[in-house]
């Protein structure tokens, strides 16, 4: 099972973006509330897409495990590579401050 196969169940709302060959970078910010992609060197907000914070956290933890690393409250920063060479950078609060809820 590939790294992507292990995390896709938690990332269904953005699965198409993860599998899109025109997307060179995917960013999820605001605790899962804002999704951006980079295509042809330009960043764009993807409207109407969000992830449940719990699903996002589980996916990030699974990515870390697949890379032989960990991310937690004690070690809140992950900088790793998937088996296909894709780079993964993630941060958990309090390193990544979540915006106030409205």
C-alpha atoms as a PDB file:
ATOM      1  CA  UNK A   1       0.000   0.000   0.000  1.00  0.00           C
ATOM      2  CA  UNK A   2       1.414   3.403  -0.975  1.00  0.00           C
ATOM      3  CA  UNK A   3       1.667   6.415   1.325  1.00  0.00           C
ATOM      4  CA  UNK A   4      -1.075   8.120  -0.672  1.00  0.00           C
ATOM      5  CA  UNK A   5      -3.394   5.115  -0.311  1.00  0.00           C
ATOM      6  CA  UNK A   6      -2.948   5.248   3.485  1.00  0.00           C
ATOM      7  CA  UNK A   7      -3.987   8.895   3.756  1.00  0.00           C
ATOM      8  CA  UNK A   8      -6.667   9.283   1.063  1.00  0.00           C
ATOM      9  CA  UNK A   9      -9.527   8.010   3.262  1.00  0.00           C
ATOM     10  CA  UNK A  10      -8.933  11.023   5.536  1.00  0.00           C
ATOM     11  CA  UNK A  11      -8.587  13.493   2.668  1.00  0.00           C
ATOM     12  CA  UNK A  12     -11.637  12.717   0.500  1.00  0.00           C
ATOM     13  CA  UNK A  13     -12.625  16.404   0.057  1.00  0.00           C
ATOM     14  CA  UNK A  14      -9.274  17.094  -1.653  1.00  0.00           C
ATOM     15  CA  UNK A  15      -8.546  13.678  -3.190  1.00  0.00           C
ATOM     16  CA  UNK A  16      -9.006  14.986  -6.729  1.00  0.00           C
ATOM     17  CA  UNK A  17      -6.469  17.758  -6.059  1.00  0.00           C
ATOM     18  CA  UNK A  18      -3.914  15.285  -4.656  1.00  0.00           C
ATOM     19  CA  UNK A  19      -4.256  13.151  -7.784  1.00  0.00           C
ATOM     20  CA  UNK A  20      -4.318  16.059 -10.275  1.00  0.00           C
ATOM     21  CA  UNK A  21      -1.044  16.044 -12.266  1.00  0.00           C
ATOM     22  CA  UNK A  22      -1.336  19.804 -12.933  1.00  0.00           C
ATOM     23  CA  UNK A  23      -1.162  20.587  -9.182  1.00  0.00           C
ATOM     24  CA  UNK A  24       2.460  21.055  -8.127  1.00  0.00           C
ATOM     25  CA  UNK A  25       1.739  22.026  -4.520  1.00  0.00           C
ATOM     26  CA  UNK A  26      -1.239  21.657  -2.221  1.00  0.00           C
ATOM     27  CA  UNK A  27      -1.571  23.677   0.978  1.00  0.00           C
ATOM     28  CA  UNK A  28      -4.145  23.268   3.716  1.00  0.00           C
ATOM     29  CA  UNK A  29      -4.251  26.125   6.202  1.00  0.00           C
ATOM     30  CA  UNK A  30      -6.458  27.402   8.988  1.00  0.00           C
ATOM     31  CA  UNK A  31      -6.954  24.004  10.600  1.00  0.00           C
ATOM     32  CA  UNK A  32      -8.388  22.616   7.350  1.00  0.00           C
ATOM     33  CA  UNK A  33     -10.604  25.576   6.489  1.00  0.00           C
ATOM     34  CA  UNK A  34      -8.575  26.946   3.557  1.00  0.00           C
ATOM     35  CA  UNK A  35      -7.172  24.932   0.659  1.00  0.00           C
ATOM     36  CA  UNK A  36      -4.752  26.355  -1.903  1.00  0.00           C
ATOM     37  CA  UNK A  37      -3.108  24.789  -4.946  1.00  0.00           C
ATOM     38  CA  UNK A  38      -0.227  25.826  -7.119  1.00  0.00           C
ATOM     39  CA  UNK A  39      -0.555  25.317 -10.867  1.00  0.00           C
ATOM     40  CA  UNK A  40       1.907  26.650 -13.420  1.00  0.00           C
ATOM     41  CA  UNK A  41       3.657  28.647 -10.676  1.00  0.00           C
ATOM     42  CA  UNK A  42       0.498  30.468  -9.545  1.00  0.00           C
ATOM     43  CA  UNK A  43      -1.249  29.989  -6.185  1.00  0.00           C
ATOM     44  CA  UNK A  44      -5.018  29.851  -6.102  1.00  0.00           C
ATOM     45  CA  UNK A  45      -7.554  29.416  -3.326  1.00  0.00           C
ATOM     46  CA  UNK A  46      -9.851  26.468  -3.971  1.00  0.00           C
ATOM     47  CA  UNK A  47     -13.294  27.738  -2.946  1.00  0.00           C
ATOM     48  CA  UNK A  48     -15.708  25.447  -1.170  1.00  0.00           C
ATOM     49  CA  UNK A  49     -13.058  22.986   0.003  1.00  0.00           C
ATOM     50  CA  UNK A  50     -12.229  22.230   3.595  1.00  0.00           C
ATOM     51  CA  UNK A  51     -11.173  19.343   5.783  1.00  0.00           C
ATOM     52  CA  UNK A  52     -12.331  18.347   9.216  1.00  0.00           C
ATOM     53  CA  UNK A  53      -9.504  19.205  11.635  1.00  0.00           C
ATOM     54  CA  UNK A  54      -9.534  15.674  13.098  1.00  0.00           C
ATOM     55  CA  UNK A  55      -9.247  14.036   9.666  1.00  0.00           C
ATOM     56  CA  UNK A  56      -6.430  16.401   8.729  1.00  0.00           C
ATOM     57  CA  UNK A  57      -4.538  15.599  11.949  1.00  0.00           C
ATOM     58  CA  UNK A  58      -4.943  11.836  11.431  1.00  0.00           C
ATOM     59  CA  UNK A  59      -3.752  12.106   7.826  1.00  0.00           C
ATOM     60  CA  UNK A  60      -0.677  14.094   8.893  1.00  0.00           C
ATOM     61  CA  UNK A  61       0.132  11.568  11.632  1.00  0.00           C
ATOM     62  CA  UNK A  62      -0.229   8.706   9.127  1.00  0.00           C
ATOM     63  CA  UNK A  63       2.060  10.507   6.688  1.00  0.00           C
ATOM     64  CA  UNK A  64       4.644  10.952   9.446  1.00  0.00           C
ATOM     65  CA  UNK A  65       4.479   7.244  10.363  1.00  0.00           C
ATOM     66  CA  UNK A  66       4.815   6.216   6.712  1.00  0.00           C
ATOM     67  CA  UNK A  67       7.966   8.354   6.514  1.00  0.00           C
ATOM     68  CA  UNK A  68       9.402   6.857   9.711  1.00  0.00           C
ATOM     69  CA  UNK A  69       8.854  10.091  11.603  1.00  0.00           C
ATOM     70  CA  UNK A  70       6.347  11.473  14.087  1.00  0.00           C
ATOM     71  CA  UNK A  71       4.380  14.630  14.708  1.00  0.00           C
ATOM     72  CA  UNK A  72       2.765  15.403  18.047  1.00  0.00           C
ATOM     73  CA  UNK A  73       2.300  18.092  20.674  1.00  0.00           C
ATOM     74  CA  UNK A  74       5.869  17.369  21.793  1.00  0.00           C
ATOM     75  CA  UNK A  75       7.299  17.422  18.245  1.00  0.00           C
ATOM     76  CA  UNK A  76       4.883  19.697  16.324  1.00  0.00           C
ATOM     77  CA  UNK A  77       6.846  20.060  13.070  1.00  0.00           C
ATOM     78  CA  UNK A  78       7.102  17.493  10.259  1.00  0.00           C
ATOM     79  CA  UNK A  79       9.419  17.910   7.279  1.00  0.00           C
ATOM     80  CA  UNK A  80       9.530  14.662   5.316  1.00  0.00           C
ATOM     81  CA  UNK A  81       9.386  13.018   1.901  1.00  0.00           C
ATOM     82  CA  UNK A  82       6.933  10.380   0.736  1.00  0.00           C
ATOM     83  CA  UNK A  83       8.187   7.277  -1.033  1.00  0.00           C
ATOM     84  CA  UNK A  84       7.441   8.920  -4.410  1.00  0.00           C
ATOM     85  CA  UNK A  85       9.658  11.897  -3.516  1.00  0.00           C
ATOM     86  CA  UNK A  86       6.826  14.309  -2.694  1.00  0.00           C
ATOM     87  CA  UNK A  87       7.686  16.744   0.084  1.00  0.00           C
ATOM     88  CA  UNK A  88       5.453  17.040   3.125  1.00  0.00           C
ATOM     89  CA  UNK A  89       5.672  19.935   5.572  1.00  0.00           C
ATOM     90  CA  UNK A  90       3.203  20.147   8.445  1.00  0.00           C
ATOM     91  CA  UNK A  91       2.897  21.974  11.742  1.00  0.00           C
ATOM     92  CA  UNK A  92       0.561  21.439  14.666  1.00  0.00           C
ATOM     93  CA  UNK A  93      -0.522  24.183  17.060  1.00  0.00           C
ATOM     94  CA  UNK A  94       0.865  25.994  18.951  1.00  0.00           C
ATOM     95  CA  UNK A  95       3.661  26.260  16.323  1.00  0.00           C
ATOM     96  CA  UNK A  96       0.959  26.934  13.718  1.00  0.00           C
ATOM     97  CA  UNK A  97      -1.451  29.397  15.287  1.00  0.00           C
ATOM     98  CA  UNK A  98      -5.066  28.720  14.376  1.00  0.00           C
ATOM     99  CA  UNK A  99      -7.118  31.800  13.537  1.00  0.00           C
ATOM    100  CA  UNK A 100      -9.943  32.764  15.893  1.00  0.00           C
ATOM    101  CA  UNK A 101     -13.262  31.154  15.068  1.00  0.00           C
ATOM    102  CA  UNK A 102     -15.947  33.472  13.771  1.00  0.00           C
END
